[in-house]
Amino acid sequence: MPERENMSFYEQVYEVVRLIPSGRVCTYGAIARFLGTGKSSRLVGWAMNNSHDVLPPVPAHRVVNRLGMLSGKAHFPPERPMQQQLEGEGVRVQHDQVLDFEQRFWDPAKELSL
């Protein structure tokens, strides 16, 4: 990741989310904890809501809540629904929940080093 102190919080979130591999998911809270702001998972959610026109693209569909629920699905355009994007990457979703959440979970604290 580029030097974090020169980036806004949203930019830091976007950099982490861009690193989530295809077919994996992360949570708002895991991203917040990785960035050292563990109580800011809602702010991570707001960053995801505002990421749809950001370049380079941010794969916001890979960010779910702590239970693996597609809690941000209402913020996706109808032509690119969150569930459809996840399923296109091989993630199984039923009733707005990632079915194999534990196996699909990508933890930046374990995968990335600061």
PDB file of N, CA and C in Angstrom:
ATOM      1  N   MET A   1       0.834  -1.188   0.000  1.00  0.00           N
ATOM      2  CA  MET A   1       0.000   0.000   0.000  1.00  0.00           C
ATOM      3  C   MET A   1       0.876   1.247   0.000  1.00  0.00           C
ATOM      4  N   PRO A   2       0.404   2.307  -0.670  1.00  0.00           N
ATOM      5  CA  PRO A   2       1.146   3.569  -0.622  1.00  0.00           C
ATOM      6  C   PRO A   2       1.193   4.110   0.806  1.00  0.00           C
ATOM      7  N   GLU A   3       1.947   5.168   1.021  1.00  0.00           N
ATOM      8  CA  GLU A   3       2.072   5.775   2.347  1.00  0.00           C
ATOM      9  C   GLU A   3       0.705   6.213   2.856  1.00  0.00           C
ATOM     10  N   ARG A   4       0.250   5.579   3.919  1.00  0.00           N
ATOM     11  CA  ARG A   4      -1.109   5.806   4.423  1.00  0.00           C
ATOM     12  C   ARG A   4      -1.306   7.200   5.000  1.00  0.00           C
ATOM     13  N   GLU A   5      -0.276   7.777   5.583  1.00  0.00           N
ATOM     14  CA  GLU A   5      -0.472   9.076   6.228  1.00  0.00           C
ATOM     15  C   GLU A   5      -0.805  10.181   5.227  1.00  0.00           C
ATOM     16  N   ASN A   6      -0.541   9.957   3.939  1.00  0.00           N
ATOM     17  CA  ASN A   6      -0.858  10.945   2.906  1.00  0.00           C
ATOM     18  C   ASN A   6      -2.212  10.688   2.248  1.00  0.00           C
ATOM     19  N   MET A   7      -2.963   9.719   2.760  1.00  0.00           N
ATOM     20  CA  MET A   7      -4.237   9.337   2.142  1.00  0.00           C
ATOM     21  C   MET A   7      -5.392   9.627   3.089  1.00  0.00           C
ATOM     22  N   SER A   8      -6.546   9.963   2.522  1.00  0.00           N
ATOM     23  CA  SER A   8      -7.750  10.109   3.337  1.00  0.00           C
ATOM     24  C   SER A   8      -8.184   8.723   3.826  1.00  0.00           C
ATOM     25  N   PHE A   9      -9.074   8.696   4.815  1.00  0.00           N
ATOM     26  CA  PHE A   9      -9.565   7.409   5.318  1.00  0.00           C
ATOM     27  C   PHE A   9     -10.232   6.614   4.195  1.00  0.00           C
ATOM     28  N   TYR A  10     -11.064   7.275   3.393  1.00  0.00           N
ATOM     29  CA  TYR A  10     -11.728   6.580   2.284  1.00  0.00           C
ATOM     30  C   TYR A  10     -10.695   5.991   1.322  1.00  0.00           C
ATOM     31  N   GLU A  11      -9.663   6.748   0.984  1.00  0.00           N
ATOM     32  CA  GLU A  11      -8.624   6.236   0.084  1.00  0.00           C
ATOM     33  C   GLU A  11      -7.925   5.024   0.689  1.00  0.00           C
ATOM     34  N   GLN A  12      -7.687   5.045   1.993  1.00  0.00           N
ATOM     35  CA  GLN A  12      -7.066   3.897   2.657  1.00  0.00           C
ATOM     36  C   GLN A  12      -7.976   2.680   2.559  1.00  0.00           C
ATOM     37  N   VAL A  13      -9.264   2.887   2.785  1.00  0.00           N
ATOM     38  CA  VAL A  13     -10.232   1.790   2.670  1.00  0.00           C
ATOM     39  C   VAL A  13     -10.204   1.226   1.260  1.00  0.00           C
ATOM     40  N   TYR A  14     -10.239   2.109   0.259  1.00  0.00           N
ATOM     41  CA  TYR A  14     -10.251   1.653  -1.134  1.00  0.00           C
ATOM     42  C   TYR A  14      -9.007   0.842  -1.466  1.00  0.00           C
ATOM     43  N   GLU A  15      -7.865   1.238  -0.950  1.00  0.00           N
ATOM     44  CA  GLU A  15      -6.634   0.495  -1.208  1.00  0.00           C
ATOM     45  C   GLU A  15      -6.717  -0.916  -0.631  1.00  0.00           C
ATOM     46  N   VAL A  16      -7.260  -1.050   0.570  1.00  0.00           N
ATOM     47  CA  VAL A  16      -7.408  -2.385   1.171  1.00  0.00           C
ATOM     48  C   VAL A  16      -8.402  -3.209   0.367  1.00  0.00           C
ATOM     49  N   VAL A  17      -9.536  -2.631   0.021  1.00  0.00           N
ATOM     50  CA  VAL A  17     -10.575  -3.381  -0.694  1.00  0.00           C
ATOM     51  C   VAL A  17     -10.071  -3.837  -2.063  1.00  0.00           C
ATOM     52  N   ARG A  18      -9.256  -3.042  -2.708  1.00  0.00           N
ATOM     53  CA  ARG A  18      -8.694  -3.446  -4.010  1.00  0.00           C
ATOM     54  C   ARG A  18      -7.802  -4.681  -3.890  1.00  0.00           C
ATOM     55  N   LEU A  19      -7.335  -4.981  -2.695  1.00  0.00           N
ATOM     56  CA  LEU A  19      -6.457  -6.136  -2.479  1.00  0.00           C
ATOM     57  C   LEU A  19      -7.216  -7.420  -2.163  1.00  0.00           C
ATOM     58  N   ILE A  20      -8.520  -7.325  -1.916  1.00  0.00           N
ATOM     59  CA  ILE A  20      -9.313  -8.533  -1.633  1.00  0.00           C
ATOM     60  C   ILE A  20      -9.354  -9.367  -2.912  1.00  0.00           C
ATOM     61  N   PRO A  21      -8.889 -10.596  -2.867  1.00  0.00           N
ATOM     62  CA  PRO A  21      -8.877 -11.419  -4.081  1.00  0.00           C
ATOM     63  C   PRO A  21     -10.284 -11.764  -4.576  1.00  0.00           C
ATOM     64  N   SER A  22     -10.390 -11.942  -5.864  1.00  0.00           N
ATOM     65  CA  SER A  22     -11.638 -12.401  -6.461  1.00  0.00           C
ATOM     66  C   SER A  22     -12.055 -13.713  -5.798  1.00  0.00           C
ATOM     67  N   GLY A  23     -13.337 -13.844  -5.512  1.00  0.00           N
ATOM     68  CA  GLY A  23     -13.842 -15.057  -4.881  1.00  0.00           C
ATOM     69  C   GLY A  23     -13.730 -15.070  -3.371  1.00  0.00           C
ATOM     70  N   ARG A  24     -13.249 -13.975  -2.789  1.00  0.00           N
ATOM     71  CA  ARG A  24     -13.114 -13.859  -1.339  1.00  0.00           C
ATOM     72  C   ARG A  24     -13.927 -12.661  -0.867  1.00  0.00           C
ATOM     73  N   VAL A  25     -14.219 -12.602   0.423  1.00  0.00           N
ATOM     74  CA  VAL A  25     -14.944 -11.475   1.004  1.00  0.00           C
ATOM     75  C   VAL A  25     -14.253 -11.018   2.279  1.00  0.00           C
ATOM     76  N   CYS A  26     -14.489  -9.772   2.618  1.00  0.00           N
ATOM     77  CA  CYS A  26     -13.956  -9.186   3.840  1.00  0.00           C
ATOM     78  C   CYS A  26     -15.110  -8.471   4.528  1.00  0.00           C
ATOM     79  N   THR A  27     -14.905  -8.054   5.752  1.00  0.00           N
ATOM     80  CA  THR A  27     -15.962  -7.353   6.488  1.00  0.00           C
ATOM     81  C   THR A  27     -15.572  -5.902   6.728  1.00  0.00           C
ATOM     82  N   TYR A  28     -16.585  -5.094   6.972  1.00  0.00           N
ATOM     83  CA  TYR A  28     -16.361  -3.684   7.294  1.00  0.00           C
ATOM     84  C   TYR A  28     -15.458  -3.577   8.526  1.00  0.00           C
ATOM     85  N   GLY A  29     -15.745  -4.381   9.531  1.00  0.00           N
ATOM     86  CA  GLY A  29     -14.993  -4.341  10.780  1.00  0.00           C
ATOM     87  C   GLY A  29     -13.548  -4.774  10.616  1.00  0.00           C
ATOM     88  N   ALA A  30     -13.301  -5.806   9.805  1.00  0.00           N
ATOM     89  CA  ALA A  30     -11.929  -6.272   9.599  1.00  0.00           C
ATOM     90  C   ALA A  30     -11.099  -5.194   8.910  1.00  0.00           C
ATOM     91  N   ILE A  31     -11.712  -4.484   7.984  1.00  0.00           N
ATOM     92  CA  ILE A  31     -11.008  -3.393   7.304  1.00  0.00           C
ATOM     93  C   ILE A  31     -10.722  -2.271   8.296  1.00  0.00           C
ATOM     94  N   ALA A  32     -11.713  -1.911   9.100  1.00  0.00           N
ATOM     95  CA  ALA A  32     -11.526  -0.847  10.104  1.00  0.00           C
ATOM     96  C   ALA A  32     -10.422  -1.222  11.087  1.00  0.00           C
ATOM     97  N   ARG A  33     -10.441  -2.461  11.588  1.00  0.00           N
ATOM     98  CA  ARG A  33      -9.405  -2.900  12.529  1.00  0.00           C
ATOM     99  C   ARG A  33      -8.020  -2.858  11.885  1.00  0.00           C
ATOM    100  N   PHE A  34      -7.923  -3.304  10.637  1.00  0.00           N
ATOM    101  CA  PHE A  34      -6.643  -3.295   9.941  1.00  0.00           C
ATOM    102  C   PHE A  34      -6.098  -1.874   9.829  1.00  0.00           C
ATOM    103  N   LEU A  35      -6.990  -0.910   9.619  1.00  0.00           N
ATOM    104  CA  LEU A  35      -6.563   0.480   9.478  1.00  0.00           C
ATOM    105  C   LEU A  35      -6.351   1.161  10.830  1.00  0.00           C
ATOM    106  N   GLY A  36      -6.540   0.424  11.922  1.00  0.00           N
ATOM    107  CA  GLY A  36      -6.290   0.960  13.248  1.00  0.00           C
ATOM    108  C   GLY A  36      -7.432   1.781  13.807  1.00  0.00           C
ATOM    109  N   THR A  37      -8.614   1.630  13.223  1.00  0.00           N
ATOM    110  CA  THR A  37      -9.790   2.380  13.664  1.00  0.00           C
ATOM    111  C   THR A  37     -10.944   1.401  13.858  1.00  0.00           C
ATOM    112  N   GLY A  38     -10.778   0.481  14.774  1.00  0.00           N
ATOM    113  CA  GLY A  38     -11.705  -0.624  14.970  1.00  0.00           C
ATOM    114  C   GLY A  38     -13.156  -0.260  15.176  1.00  0.00           C
ATOM    115  N   LYS A  39     -13.443   0.937  15.632  1.00  0.00           N
ATOM    116  CA  LYS A  39     -14.832   1.330  15.872  1.00  0.00           C
ATOM    117  C   LYS A  39     -15.430   2.093  14.689  1.00  0.00           C
ATOM    118  N   SER A  40     -14.762   2.047  13.548  1.00  0.00           N
ATOM    119  CA  SER A  40     -15.238   2.829  12.401  1.00  0.00           C
ATOM    120  C   SER A  40     -15.771   1.970  11.265  1.00  0.00           C
ATOM    121  N   SER A  41     -16.340   0.809  11.587  1.00  0.00           N
ATOM    122  CA  SER A  41     -16.850  -0.053  10.515  1.00  0.00           C
ATOM    123  C   SER A  41     -17.980   0.624   9.732  1.00  0.00           C
ATOM    124  N   ARG A  42     -18.777   1.463  10.395  1.00  0.00           N
ATOM    125  CA  ARG A  42     -19.822   2.186   9.644  1.00  0.00           C
ATOM    126  C   ARG A  42     -19.215   3.162   8.653  1.00  0.00           C
ATOM    127  N   LEU A  43     -18.111   3.771   9.023  1.00  0.00           N
ATOM    128  CA  LEU A  43     -17.438   4.686   8.109  1.00  0.00           C
ATOM    129  C   LEU A  43     -16.877   3.916   6.910  1.00  0.00           C
ATOM    130  N   VAL A  44     -16.420   2.693   7.135  1.00  0.00           N
ATOM    131  CA  VAL A  44     -15.992   1.836   6.021  1.00  0.00           C
ATOM    132  C   VAL A  44     -17.188   1.588   5.109  1.00  0.00           C
ATOM    133  N   GLY A  45     -18.359   1.363   5.699  1.00  0.00           N
ATOM    134  CA  GLY A  45     -19.570   1.184   4.900  1.00  0.00           C
ATOM    135  C   GLY A  45     -19.898   2.406   4.063  1.00  0.00           C
ATOM    136  N   TRP A  46     -19.750   3.579   4.640  1.00  0.00           N
ATOM    137  CA  TRP A  46     -19.985   4.816   3.881  1.00  0.00           C
ATOM    138  C   TRP A  46     -18.978   4.939   2.747  1.00  0.00           C
ATOM    139  N   ALA A  47     -17.748   4.549   2.997  1.00  0.00           N
ATOM    140  CA  ALA A  47     -16.744   4.574   1.930  1.00  0.00           C
ATOM    141  C   ALA A  47     -17.168   3.651   0.793  1.00  0.00           C
ATOM    142  N   MET A  48     -17.687   2.469   1.140  1.00  0.00           N
ATOM    143  CA  MET A  48     -18.142   1.542   0.102  1.00  0.00           C
ATOM    144  C   MET A  48     -19.317   2.138  -0.678  1.00  0.00           C
ATOM    145  N   ASN A  49     -20.235   2.802   0.014  1.00  0.00           N
ATOM    146  CA  ASN A  49     -21.384   3.423  -0.654  1.00  0.00           C
ATOM    147  C   ASN A  49     -20.946   4.471  -1.665  1.00  0.00           C
ATOM    148  N   ASN A  50     -19.803   5.099  -1.413  1.00  0.00           N
ATOM    149  CA  ASN A  50     -19.313   6.169  -2.279  1.00  0.00           C
ATOM    150  C   ASN A  50     -18.243   5.708  -3.261  1.00  0.00           C
ATOM    151  N   SER A  51     -18.034   4.426  -3.372  1.00  0.00           N
ATOM    152  CA  SER A  51     -16.916   3.919  -4.165  1.00  0.00           C
ATOM    153  C   SER A  51     -17.252   3.549  -5.602  1.00  0.00           C
ATOM    154  N   HIS A  52     -18.503   3.576  -5.966  1.00  0.00           N
ATOM    155  CA  HIS A  52     -18.913   3.006  -7.249  1.00  0.00           C
ATOM    156  C   HIS A  52     -18.363   3.738  -8.471  1.00  0.00           C
ATOM    157  N   ASP A  53     -17.978   5.001  -8.344  1.00  0.00           N
ATOM    158  CA  ASP A  53     -17.424   5.746  -9.478  1.00  0.00           C
ATOM    159  C   ASP A  53     -15.947   6.070  -9.301  1.00  0.00           C
ATOM    160  N   VAL A  54     -15.321   5.468  -8.294  1.00  0.00           N
ATOM    161  CA  VAL A  54     -13.913   5.737  -7.998  1.00  0.00           C
ATOM    162  C   VAL A  54     -13.034   4.965  -8.982  1.00  0.00           C
ATOM    163  N   LEU A  55     -11.946   5.608  -9.402  1.00  0.00           N
ATOM    164  CA  LEU A  55     -10.959   4.957 -10.257  1.00  0.00           C
ATOM    165  C   LEU A  55      -9.616   4.974  -9.562  1.00  0.00           C
ATOM    166  N   PRO A  56      -8.830   3.909  -9.666  1.00  0.00           N
ATOM    167  CA  PRO A  56      -9.220   2.637 -10.254  1.00  0.00           C
ATOM    168  C   PRO A  56     -10.386   2.017  -9.487  1.00  0.00           C
ATOM    169  N   PRO A  57     -11.121   1.129 -10.157  1.00  0.00           N
ATOM    170  CA  PRO A  57     -12.328   0.553  -9.550  1.00  0.00           C
ATOM    171  C   PRO A  57     -12.080  -0.107  -8.196  1.00  0.00           C
ATOM    172  N   VAL A  58     -13.096  -0.041  -7.352  1.00  0.00           N
ATOM    173  CA  VAL A  58     -13.065  -0.638  -6.013  1.00  0.00           C
ATOM    174  C   VAL A  58     -14.091  -1.779  -6.003  1.00  0.00           C
ATOM    175  N   PRO A  59     -13.673  -3.013  -5.746  1.00  0.00           N
ATOM    176  CA  PRO A  59     -14.609  -4.136  -5.733  1.00  0.00           C
ATOM    177  C   PRO A  59     -15.434  -4.175  -4.437  1.00  0.00           C
ATOM    178  N   ALA A  60     -16.291  -3.184  -4.267  1.00  0.00           N
ATOM    179  CA  ALA A  60     -17.087  -3.038  -3.042  1.00  0.00           C
ATOM    180  C   ALA A  60     -17.984  -4.242  -2.784  1.00  0.00           C
ATOM    181  N   HIS A  61     -18.315  -4.987  -3.812  1.00  0.00           N
ATOM    182  CA  HIS A  61     -19.180  -6.160  -3.634  1.00  0.00           C
ATOM    183  C   HIS A  61     -18.527  -7.224  -2.763  1.00  0.00           C
ATOM    184  N   ARG A  62     -17.233  -7.150  -2.557  1.00  0.00           N
ATOM    185  CA  ARG A  62     -16.517  -8.130  -1.740  1.00  0.00           C
ATOM    186  C   ARG A  62     -16.523  -7.787  -0.256  1.00  0.00           C
ATOM    187  N   VAL A  63     -17.214  -6.717   0.122  1.00  0.00           N
ATOM    188  CA  VAL A  63     -17.255  -6.311   1.528  1.00  0.00           C
ATOM    189  C   VAL A  63     -18.662  -6.558   2.074  1.00  0.00           C
ATOM    190  N   VAL A  64     -18.734  -7.382   3.116  1.00  0.00           N
ATOM    191  CA  VAL A  64     -20.005  -7.795   3.713  1.00  0.00           C
ATOM    192  C   VAL A  64     -19.965  -7.512   5.216  1.00  0.00           C
ATOM    193  N   ASN A  65     -21.080  -7.754   5.892  1.00  0.00           N
ATOM    194  CA  ASN A  65     -21.065  -7.513   7.344  1.00  0.00           C
ATOM    195  C   ASN A  65     -20.433  -8.699   8.077  1.00  0.00           C
ATOM    196  N   ARG A  66     -20.328  -8.589   9.372  1.00  0.00           N
ATOM    197  CA  ARG A  66     -19.600  -9.580  10.176  1.00  0.00           C
ATOM    198  C   ARG A  66     -20.211 -10.972  10.145  1.00  0.00           C
ATOM    199  N   LEU A  67     -21.453 -11.080   9.682  1.00  0.00           N
ATOM    200  CA  LEU A  67     -22.121 -12.373   9.578  1.00  0.00           C
ATOM    201  C   LEU A  67     -22.106 -12.919   8.152  1.00  0.00           C
ATOM    202  N   GLY A  68     -21.481 -12.170   7.246  1.00  0.00           N
ATOM    203  CA  GLY A  68     -21.462 -12.583   5.847  1.00  0.00           C
ATOM    204  C   GLY A  68     -22.691 -12.157   5.083  1.00  0.00           C
ATOM    205  N   MET A  69     -23.461 -11.241   5.641  1.00  0.00           N
ATOM    206  CA  MET A  69     -24.683 -10.756   4.989  1.00  0.00           C
ATOM    207  C   MET A  69     -24.355  -9.624   4.009  1.00  0.00           C
ATOM    208  N   LEU A  70     -25.115  -9.558   2.923  1.00  0.00           N
ATOM    209  CA  LEU A  70     -24.947  -8.513   1.922  1.00  0.00           C
ATOM    210  C   LEU A  70     -25.681  -7.255   2.364  1.00  0.00           C
ATOM    211  N   SER A  71     -25.258  -6.693   3.458  1.00  0.00           N
ATOM    212  CA  SER A  71     -25.949  -5.556   4.059  1.00  0.00           C
ATOM    213  C   SER A  71     -25.876  -4.289   3.209  1.00  0.00           C
ATOM    214  N   GLY A  72     -24.923  -4.200   2.296  1.00  0.00           N
ATOM    215  CA  GLY A  72     -24.800  -3.017   1.454  1.00  0.00           C
ATOM    216  C   GLY A  72     -25.422  -3.166   0.085  1.00  0.00           C
ATOM    217  N   LYS A  73     -26.193  -4.227  -0.133  1.00  0.00           N
ATOM    218  CA  LYS A  73     -26.690  -4.533  -1.477  1.00  0.00           C
ATOM    219  C   LYS A  73     -27.562  -3.436  -2.074  1.00  0.00           C
ATOM    220  N   ALA A  74     -28.241  -2.660  -1.260  1.00  0.00           N
ATOM    221  CA  ALA A  74     -29.133  -1.612  -1.766  1.00  0.00           C
ATOM    222  C   ALA A  74     -28.365  -0.467  -2.428  1.00  0.00           C
ATOM    223  N   HIS A  75     -27.074  -0.405  -2.206  1.00  0.00           N
ATOM    224  CA  HIS A  75     -26.259   0.689  -2.747  1.00  0.00           C
ATOM    225  C   HIS A  75     -25.602   0.344  -4.076  1.00  0.00           C
ATOM    226  N   PHE A  76     -25.964  -0.794  -4.644  1.00  0.00           N
ATOM    227  CA  PHE A  76     -25.407  -1.202  -5.927  1.00  0.00           C
ATOM    228  C   PHE A  76     -26.393  -0.887  -7.040  1.00  0.00           C
ATOM    229  N   PRO A  77     -25.874  -0.511  -8.217  1.00  0.00           N
ATOM    230  CA  PRO A  77     -26.773  -0.208  -9.333  1.00  0.00           C
ATOM    231  C   PRO A  77     -27.518  -1.464  -9.781  1.00  0.00           C
ATOM    232  N   PRO A  78     -28.757  -1.299 -10.255  1.00  0.00           N
ATOM    233  CA  PRO A  78     -29.557  -2.464 -10.655  1.00  0.00           C
ATOM    234  C   PRO A  78     -28.906  -3.311 -11.751  1.00  0.00           C
ATOM    235  N   GLU A  79     -28.086  -2.695 -12.575  1.00  0.00           N
ATOM    236  CA  GLU A  79     -27.442  -3.454 -13.655  1.00  0.00           C
ATOM    237  C   GLU A  79     -26.231  -4.258 -13.169  1.00  0.00           C
ATOM    238  N   ARG A  80     -25.773  -4.030 -11.936  1.00  0.00           N
ATOM    239  CA  ARG A  80     -24.641  -4.773 -11.366  1.00  0.00           C
ATOM    240  C   ARG A  80     -24.884  -5.091  -9.896  1.00  0.00           C
ATOM    241  N   PRO A  81     -25.921  -5.898  -9.601  1.00  0.00           N
ATOM    242  CA  PRO A  81     -26.237  -6.204  -8.198  1.00  0.00           C
ATOM    243  C   PRO A  81     -25.072  -6.896  -7.483  1.00  0.00           C
ATOM    244  N   MET A  82     -24.980  -6.629  -6.191  1.00  0.00           N
ATOM    245  CA  MET A  82     -23.919  -7.184  -5.359  1.00  0.00           C
ATOM    246  C   MET A  82     -23.878  -8.712  -5.451  1.00  0.00           C
ATOM    247  N   GLN A  83     -25.009  -9.357  -5.289  1.00  0.00           N
ATOM    248  CA  GLN A  83     -25.050 -10.821  -5.318  1.00  0.00           C
ATOM    249  C   GLN A  83     -24.581 -11.357  -6.662  1.00  0.00           C
ATOM    250  N   GLN A  84     -24.999 -10.743  -7.744  1.00  0.00           N
ATOM    251  CA  GLN A  84     -24.599 -11.189  -9.076  1.00  0.00           C
ATOM    252  C   GLN A  84     -23.081 -11.081  -9.257  1.00  0.00           C
ATOM    253  N   GLN A  85     -22.496 -10.006  -8.760  1.00  0.00           N
ATOM    254  CA  GLN A  85     -21.046  -9.839  -8.880  1.00  0.00           C
ATOM    255  C   GLN A  85     -20.306 -10.905  -8.069  1.00  0.00           C
ATOM    256  N   LEU A  86     -20.777 -11.176  -6.859  1.00  0.00           N
ATOM    257  CA  LEU A  86     -20.148 -12.213  -6.037  1.00  0.00           C
ATOM    258  C   LEU A  86     -20.281 -13.589  -6.684  1.00  0.00           C
ATOM    259  N   GLU A  87     -21.471 -13.906  -7.156  1.00  0.00           N
ATOM    260  CA  GLU A  87     -21.683 -15.207  -7.778  1.00  0.00           C
ATOM    261  C   GLU A  87     -20.845 -15.358  -9.047  1.00  0.00           C
ATOM    262  N   GLY A  88     -20.600 -14.252  -9.734  1.00  0.00           N
ATOM    263  CA  GLY A  88     -19.730 -14.279 -10.905  1.00  0.00           C
ATOM    264  C   GLY A  88     -18.290 -14.645 -10.556  1.00  0.00           C
ATOM    265  N   GLU A  89     -17.930 -14.486  -9.304  1.00  0.00           N
ATOM    266  CA  GLU A  89     -16.592 -14.842  -8.816  1.00  0.00           C
ATOM    267  C   GLU A  89     -16.588 -16.188  -8.087  1.00  0.00           C
ATOM    268  N   GLY A  90     -17.716 -16.896  -8.139  1.00  0.00           N
ATOM    269  CA  GLY A  90     -17.781 -18.211  -7.515  1.00  0.00           C
ATOM    270  C   GLY A  90     -18.237 -18.221  -6.073  1.00  0.00           C
ATOM    271  N   VAL A  91     -18.666 -17.079  -5.545  1.00  0.00           N
ATOM    272  CA  VAL A  91     -19.149 -17.002  -4.160  1.00  0.00           C
ATOM    273  C   VAL A  91     -20.630 -17.351  -4.158  1.00  0.00           C
ATOM    274  N   ARG A  92     -20.992 -18.355  -3.375  1.00  0.00           N
ATOM    275  CA  ARG A  92     -22.396 -18.769  -3.292  1.00  0.00           C
ATOM    276  C   ARG A  92     -23.115 -17.917  -2.260  1.00  0.00           C
ATOM    277  N   VAL A  93     -24.273 -17.397  -2.668  1.00  0.00           N
ATOM    278  CA  VAL A  93     -25.074 -16.525  -1.813  1.00  0.00           C
ATOM    279  C   VAL A  93     -26.498 -17.052  -1.785  1.00  0.00           C
ATOM    280  N   GLN A  94     -27.071 -17.115  -0.591  1.00  0.00           N
ATOM    281  CA  GLN A  94     -28.471 -17.525  -0.456  1.00  0.00           C
ATOM    282  C   GLN A  94     -29.116 -16.667   0.624  1.00  0.00           C
ATOM    283  N   HIS A  95     -30.285 -16.108   0.296  1.00  0.00           N
ATOM    284  CA  HIS A  95     -30.996 -15.231   1.234  1.00  0.00           C
ATOM    285  C   HIS A  95     -30.087 -14.103   1.731  1.00  0.00           C
ATOM    286  N   ASP A  96     -29.350 -13.511   0.784  1.00  0.00           N
ATOM    287  CA  ASP A  96     -28.464 -12.371   1.070  1.00  0.00           C
ATOM    288  C   ASP A  96     -27.318 -12.703   2.010  1.00  0.00           C
ATOM    289  N   GLN A  97     -26.906 -13.953   2.093  1.00  0.00           N
ATOM    290  CA  GLN A  97     -25.794 -14.345   2.955  1.00  0.00           C
ATOM    291  C   GLN A  97     -24.810 -15.219   2.183  1.00  0.00           C
ATOM    292  N   VAL A  98     -23.517 -14.950   2.380  1.00  0.00           N
ATOM    293  CA  VAL A  98     -22.459 -15.779   1.802  1.00  0.00           C
ATOM    294  C   VAL A  98     -22.519 -17.132   2.503  1.00  0.00           C
ATOM    295  N   LEU A  99     -22.702 -18.210   1.725  1.00  0.00           N
ATOM    296  CA  LEU A  99     -22.923 -19.528   2.321  1.00  0.00           C
ATOM    297  C   LEU A  99     -21.689 -20.093   3.010  1.00  0.00           C
ATOM    298  N   ASP A 100     -20.549 -19.966   2.408  1.00  0.00           N
ATOM    299  CA  ASP A 100     -19.325 -20.514   3.003  1.00  0.00           C
ATOM    300  C   ASP A 100     -18.443 -19.372   3.491  1.00  0.00           C
ATOM    301  N   PHE A 101     -19.053 -18.519   4.302  1.00  0.00           N
ATOM    302  CA  PHE A 101     -18.406 -17.284   4.752  1.00  0.00           C
ATOM    303  C   PHE A 101     -17.045 -17.525   5.408  1.00  0.00           C
ATOM    304  N   GLU A 102     -16.930 -18.479   6.303  1.00  0.00           N
ATOM    305  CA  GLU A 102     -15.672 -18.715   7.010  1.00  0.00           C
ATOM    306  C   GLU A 102     -14.546 -19.083   6.039  1.00  0.00           C
ATOM    307  N   GLN A 103     -14.861 -19.870   5.020  1.00  0.00           N
ATOM    308  CA  GLN A 103     -13.853 -20.272   4.046  1.00  0.00           C
ATOM    309  C   GLN A 103     -13.518 -19.139   3.069  1.00  0.00           C
ATOM    310  N   ARG A 104     -14.468 -18.269   2.815  1.00  0.00           N
ATOM    311  CA  ARG A 104     -14.283 -17.164   1.860  1.00  0.00           C
ATOM    312  C   ARG A 104     -13.707 -15.913   2.509  1.00  0.00           C
ATOM    313  N   PHE A 105     -13.725 -15.862   3.841  1.00  0.00           N
ATOM    314  CA  PHE A 105     -13.296 -14.656   4.546  1.00  0.00           C
ATOM    315  C   PHE A 105     -11.807 -14.396   4.333  1.00  0.00           C
ATOM    316  N   TRP A 106     -11.501 -13.163   3.953  1.00  0.00           N
ATOM    317  CA  TRP A 106     -10.132 -12.693   3.743  1.00  0.00           C
ATOM    318  C   TRP A 106      -9.849 -11.638   4.798  1.00  0.00           C
ATOM    319  N   ASP A 107      -8.898 -11.908   5.684  1.00  0.00           N
ATOM    320  CA  ASP A 107      -8.583 -11.003   6.788  1.00  0.00           C
ATOM    321  C   ASP A 107      -7.330 -10.212   6.447  1.00  0.00           C
ATOM    322  N   PRO A 108      -7.461  -8.890   6.223  1.00  0.00           N
ATOM    323  CA  PRO A 108      -6.275  -8.107   5.873  1.00  0.00           C
ATOM    324  C   PRO A 108      -5.201  -8.134   6.953  1.00  0.00           C
ATOM    325  N   ALA A 109      -5.577  -8.297   8.215  1.00  0.00           N
ATOM    326  CA  ALA A 109      -4.597  -8.344   9.296  1.00  0.00           C
ATOM    327  C   ALA A 109      -3.673  -9.558   9.146  1.00  0.00           C
ATOM    328  N   LYS A 110      -4.172 -10.628   8.553  1.00  0.00           N
ATOM    329  CA  LYS A 110      -3.381 -11.834   8.367  1.00  0.00           C
ATOM    330  C   LYS A 110      -2.714 -11.866   6.994  1.00  0.00           C
ATOM    331  N   GLU A 111      -3.349 -11.243   6.012  1.00  0.00           N
ATOM    332  CA  GLU A 111      -2.869 -11.303   4.627  1.00  0.00           C
ATOM    333  C   GLU A 111      -1.906 -10.186   4.254  1.00  0.00           C
ATOM    334  N   LEU A 112      -1.996  -9.055   4.949  1.00  0.00           N
ATOM    335  CA  LEU A 112      -1.187  -7.885   4.601  1.00  0.00           C
ATOM    336  C   LEU A 112      -0.313  -7.495   5.785  1.00  0.00           C
ATOM    337  N   SER A 113       0.784  -6.887   5.488  1.00  0.00           N
ATOM    338  CA  SER A 113       1.606  -6.337   6.562  1.00  0.00           C
ATOM    339  C   SER A 113       1.678  -4.830   6.381  1.00  0.00           C
ATOM    340  N   LEU A 114       1.684  -4.114   7.489  1.00  0.00           N
ATOM    341  CA  LEU A 114       1.719  -2.648   7.431  1.00  0.00           C
ATOM    342  C   LEU A 114       3.117  -2.144   7.126  1.00  0.00           C
TER     343      LEU A 114
END
